[in-house]
Amino acid sequence: MEKFKEYATVYTIGSVAYSWLEVAWRGFTHWSMTLAGGVGFLLLYLTDWRLKGRSLLERAAAGCAVLTSVEFLFGCVVNKLLRLDVWDYSKERGNLFGQVCPLYTILWFLLCIPVMPASRELREKLLHQQEYVQLTA
């Protein structure tokens, strides 16, 4: 149950934070991006833990691959399958089915540079909180 609470907390933080980020970047968001933000941040959180001995740039590169994959998968479902047309990168150079492109992959990498250490700090706080609850129970 403790892992569920931890992951639910991380997912919720990612959902809210990404929605805010997208509103700041584009001026609006879509409900599906709240889901993608939660999934993306949870996967970044797990990726950072898995690569804990690696450099920040290596972790950011892995995070970039994770976020680009999440964007592609959500794009295929939300934009192609459900035809909600939330975004379209078809005019961007090097795009893949209009769902991902090199420009946003670079931006994901840059975003991961501060997010990976932040996810590590969050993990330490959540684990410290779990230890405290176990000691007081």
C-alpha atoms as a PDB file:
ATOM      1  CA  MET A   1       0.000   0.000   0.000  1.00  0.00           C
ATOM      2  CA  GLU A   2       2.903   2.367   0.700  1.00  0.00           C
ATOM      3  CA  LYS A   3       4.177   2.059  -2.898  1.00  0.00           C
ATOM      4  CA  PHE A   4       0.688   2.794  -4.202  1.00  0.00           C
ATOM      5  CA  LYS A   5       0.560   6.006  -2.130  1.00  0.00           C
ATOM      6  CA  GLU A   6       4.047   6.975  -3.274  1.00  0.00           C
ATOM      7  CA  TYR A   7       3.255   6.391  -6.944  1.00  0.00           C
ATOM      8  CA  ALA A   8      -0.161   8.074  -6.688  1.00  0.00           C
ATOM      9  CA  THR A   9       1.493  11.129  -5.153  1.00  0.00           C
ATOM     10  CA  VAL A  10       4.130  11.260  -7.899  1.00  0.00           C
ATOM     11  CA  TYR A  11       1.483  10.778 -10.607  1.00  0.00           C
ATOM     12  CA  THR A  12      -0.658  13.580  -9.169  1.00  0.00           C
ATOM     13  CA  ILE A  13       2.276  15.978  -8.932  1.00  0.00           C
ATOM     14  CA  GLY A  14       3.186  15.209 -12.558  1.00  0.00           C
ATOM     15  CA  SER A  15      -0.403  15.678 -13.726  1.00  0.00           C
ATOM     16  CA  VAL A  16      -0.779  19.068 -12.095  1.00  0.00           C
ATOM     17  CA  ALA A  17       2.725  20.324 -12.875  1.00  0.00           C
ATOM     18  CA  TYR A  18       2.561  19.350 -16.537  1.00  0.00           C
ATOM     19  CA  SER A  19      -0.862  20.942 -16.947  1.00  0.00           C
ATOM     20  CA  TRP A  20       0.516  24.192 -15.509  1.00  0.00           C
ATOM     21  CA  LEU A  21       3.600  23.957 -17.708  1.00  0.00           C
ATOM     22  CA  GLU A  22       1.514  23.471 -20.813  1.00  0.00           C
ATOM     23  CA  VAL A  23      -0.772  26.391 -19.960  1.00  0.00           C
ATOM     24  CA  ALA A  24       2.333  28.552 -19.473  1.00  0.00           C
ATOM     25  CA  TRP A  25       3.823  27.329 -22.794  1.00  0.00           C
ATOM     26  CA  ARG A  26       0.749  27.173 -25.077  1.00  0.00           C
ATOM     27  CA  GLY A  27      -1.844  29.144 -23.144  1.00  0.00           C
ATOM     28  CA  PHE A  28      -4.145  26.131 -22.722  1.00  0.00           C
ATOM     29  CA  THR A  29      -4.124  22.403 -22.074  1.00  0.00           C
ATOM     30  CA  HIS A  30      -6.317  19.372 -22.675  1.00  0.00           C
ATOM     31  CA  TRP A  31      -7.501  16.760 -20.158  1.00  0.00           C
ATOM     32  CA  SER A  32      -5.462  14.083 -21.919  1.00  0.00           C
ATOM     33  CA  MET A  33      -2.283  16.041 -21.176  1.00  0.00           C
ATOM     34  CA  THR A  34      -3.062  15.768 -17.476  1.00  0.00           C
ATOM     35  CA  LEU A  35      -2.959  11.987 -17.881  1.00  0.00           C
ATOM     36  CA  ALA A  36       0.202  12.139 -19.989  1.00  0.00           C
ATOM     37  CA  GLY A  37       1.893  14.425 -17.462  1.00  0.00           C
ATOM     38  CA  GLY A  38       1.161  12.012 -14.624  1.00  0.00           C
ATOM     39  CA  VAL A  39       2.394   8.998 -16.560  1.00  0.00           C
ATOM     40  CA  GLY A  40       5.454  10.880 -17.800  1.00  0.00           C
ATOM     41  CA  PHE A  41       6.518  12.121 -14.370  1.00  0.00           C
ATOM     42  CA  LEU A  42       5.945   8.736 -12.752  1.00  0.00           C
ATOM     43  CA  LEU A  43       8.130   7.115 -15.421  1.00  0.00           C
ATOM     44  CA  LEU A  44      10.799   9.818 -14.942  1.00  0.00           C
ATOM     45  CA  TYR A  45      10.690   9.189 -11.198  1.00  0.00           C
ATOM     46  CA  LEU A  46      11.227   5.463 -11.752  1.00  0.00           C
ATOM     47  CA  THR A  47      13.891   6.051 -14.405  1.00  0.00           C
ATOM     48  CA  ASP A  48      15.862   8.350 -12.125  1.00  0.00           C
ATOM     49  CA  TRP A  49      15.759   5.725  -9.357  1.00  0.00           C
ATOM     50  CA  ARG A  50      16.833   2.975 -11.745  1.00  0.00           C
ATOM     51  CA  LEU A  51      19.769   5.049 -13.036  1.00  0.00           C
ATOM     52  CA  LYS A  52      20.780   6.434  -9.633  1.00  0.00           C
ATOM     53  CA  GLY A  53      24.512   5.869 -10.193  1.00  0.00           C
ATOM     54  CA  ARG A  54      24.570   7.654 -13.557  1.00  0.00           C
ATOM     55  CA  SER A  55      25.376  11.271 -14.348  1.00  0.00           C
ATOM     56  CA  LEU A  56      22.648  13.878 -14.604  1.00  0.00           C
ATOM     57  CA  LEU A  57      23.104  14.115 -18.375  1.00  0.00           C
ATOM     58  CA  GLU A  58      22.708  10.348 -18.765  1.00  0.00           C
ATOM     59  CA  ARG A  59      19.565  10.414 -16.624  1.00  0.00           C
ATOM     60  CA  ALA A  60      18.236  13.420 -18.577  1.00  0.00           C
ATOM     61  CA  ALA A  61      18.871  11.607 -21.877  1.00  0.00           C
ATOM     62  CA  ALA A  62      16.991   8.556 -20.599  1.00  0.00           C
ATOM     63  CA  GLY A  63      14.209  10.817 -19.349  1.00  0.00           C
ATOM     64  CA  CYS A  64      14.061  12.505 -22.729  1.00  0.00           C
ATOM     65  CA  ALA A  65      13.575   9.107 -24.386  1.00  0.00           C
ATOM     66  CA  VAL A  66      10.860   8.265 -21.855  1.00  0.00           C
ATOM     67  CA  LEU A  67       8.973  11.525 -22.400  1.00  0.00           C
ATOM     68  CA  THR A  68       9.255  11.323 -26.171  1.00  0.00           C
ATOM     69  CA  SER A  69       7.853   7.780 -25.994  1.00  0.00           C
ATOM     70  CA  VAL A  70       4.974   8.904 -23.763  1.00  0.00           C
ATOM     71  CA  GLU A  71       4.248  11.782 -26.130  1.00  0.00           C
ATOM     72  CA  PHE A  72       4.264   9.433 -29.119  1.00  0.00           C
ATOM     73  CA  LEU A  73       2.011   6.840 -27.468  1.00  0.00           C
ATOM     74  CA  PHE A  74      -0.458   9.417 -26.175  1.00  0.00           C
ATOM     75  CA  GLY A  75      -0.389  11.154 -29.549  1.00  0.00           C
ATOM     76  CA  CYS A  76      -1.217   7.947 -31.382  1.00  0.00           C
ATOM     77  CA  VAL A  77      -4.153   7.311 -29.056  1.00  0.00           C
ATOM     78  CA  VAL A  78      -5.425  10.863 -28.492  1.00  0.00           C
ATOM     79  CA  ASN A  79      -4.756  12.408 -31.902  1.00  0.00           C
ATOM     80  CA  LYS A  80      -4.874   9.476 -34.294  1.00  0.00           C
ATOM     81  CA  LEU A  81      -7.204   6.898 -32.721  1.00  0.00           C
ATOM     82  CA  LEU A  82      -9.604   9.224 -30.866  1.00  0.00           C
ATOM     83  CA  ARG A  83      -9.136  12.074 -33.396  1.00  0.00           C
ATOM     84  CA  LEU A  84      -9.057  14.757 -30.683  1.00  0.00           C
ATOM     85  CA  ASP A  85      -6.370  16.774 -32.524  1.00  0.00           C
ATOM     86  CA  VAL A  86      -4.675  18.040 -29.375  1.00  0.00           C
ATOM     87  CA  TRP A  87      -1.381  18.685 -31.206  1.00  0.00           C
ATOM     88  CA  ASP A  88       0.108  18.215 -34.645  1.00  0.00           C
ATOM     89  CA  TYR A  89       3.827  18.432 -35.393  1.00  0.00           C
ATOM     90  CA  SER A  90       3.423  17.427 -39.040  1.00  0.00           C
ATOM     91  CA  LYS A  91       4.905  20.767 -40.160  1.00  0.00           C
ATOM     92  CA  GLU A  92       7.981  20.329 -37.962  1.00  0.00           C
ATOM     93  CA  ARG A  93      11.159  18.891 -39.473  1.00  0.00           C
ATOM     94  CA  GLY A  94      11.846  15.254 -38.703  1.00  0.00           C
ATOM     95  CA  ASN A  95       8.413  14.575 -37.225  1.00  0.00           C
ATOM     96  CA  LEU A  96       7.095  11.044 -36.778  1.00  0.00           C
ATOM     97  CA  PHE A  97       3.445  10.847 -37.857  1.00  0.00           C
ATOM     98  CA  GLY A  98       3.003  14.416 -36.594  1.00  0.00           C
ATOM     99  CA  GLN A  99       3.175  13.194 -32.990  1.00  0.00           C
ATOM    100  CA  VAL A 100       6.824  13.788 -32.032  1.00  0.00           C
ATOM    101  CA  CYS A 101       9.639  15.833 -33.517  1.00  0.00           C
ATOM    102  CA  PRO A 102      13.292  16.604 -32.793  1.00  0.00           C
ATOM    103  CA  LEU A 103      12.539  20.119 -31.499  1.00  0.00           C
ATOM    104  CA  TYR A 104      10.334  18.843 -28.682  1.00  0.00           C
ATOM    105  CA  THR A 105      12.683  15.954 -27.988  1.00  0.00           C
ATOM    106  CA  ILE A 106      15.406  18.537 -27.296  1.00  0.00           C
ATOM    107  CA  LEU A 107      13.001  20.483 -25.094  1.00  0.00           C
ATOM    108  CA  TRP A 108      12.178  17.275 -23.161  1.00  0.00           C
ATOM    109  CA  PHE A 109      15.912  16.768 -22.598  1.00  0.00           C
ATOM    110  CA  LEU A 110      16.301  20.316 -21.260  1.00  0.00           C
ATOM    111  CA  LEU A 111      13.257  19.880 -19.028  1.00  0.00           C
ATOM    112  CA  CYS A 112      14.692  16.653 -17.614  1.00  0.00           C
ATOM    113  CA  ILE A 113      17.829  18.429 -16.370  1.00  0.00           C
ATOM    114  CA  PRO A 114      15.982  20.081 -13.445  1.00  0.00           C
ATOM    115  CA  VAL A 115      13.223  17.461 -13.191  1.00  0.00           C
ATOM    116  CA  MET A 116      15.487  14.455 -12.544  1.00  0.00           C
ATOM    117  CA  PRO A 117      17.097  15.977  -9.421  1.00  0.00           C
ATOM    118  CA  ALA A 118      13.664  17.214  -8.315  1.00  0.00           C
ATOM    119  CA  SER A 119      12.276  13.676  -8.581  1.00  0.00           C
ATOM    120  CA  ARG A 120      15.190  12.444  -6.460  1.00  0.00           C
ATOM    121  CA  GLU A 121      14.419  15.065  -3.793  1.00  0.00           C
ATOM    122  CA  LEU A 122      10.763  14.069  -3.891  1.00  0.00           C
ATOM    123  CA  ARG A 123      11.678  10.389  -3.462  1.00  0.00           C
ATOM    124  CA  GLU A 124      13.824  11.188  -0.435  1.00  0.00           C
ATOM    125  CA  LYS A 125      11.002  13.197   1.145  1.00  0.00           C
ATOM    126  CA  LEU A 126       8.419  10.499   0.451  1.00  0.00           C
ATOM    127  CA  LEU A 127      10.679   7.742   1.790  1.00  0.00           C
ATOM    128  CA  HIS A 128      11.545   9.819   4.864  1.00  0.00           C
ATOM    129  CA  GLN A 129       7.837  10.407   5.433  1.00  0.00           C
ATOM    130  CA  GLN A 130       7.135   6.660   5.134  1.00  0.00           C
ATOM    131  CA  GLU A 131       9.906   5.913   7.642  1.00  0.00           C
ATOM    132  CA  TYR A 132       8.452   8.478  10.040  1.00  0.00           C
ATOM    133  CA  VAL A 133       4.961   6.991   9.760  1.00  0.00           C
ATOM    134  CA  GLN A 134       6.351   3.490  10.397  1.00  0.00           C
ATOM    135  CA  LEU A 135       8.263   4.700  13.474  1.00  0.00           C
ATOM    136  CA  THR A 136       5.218   6.406  14.962  1.00  0.00           C
ATOM    137  CA  ALA A 137       2.779   3.585  14.212  1.00  0.00           C
END
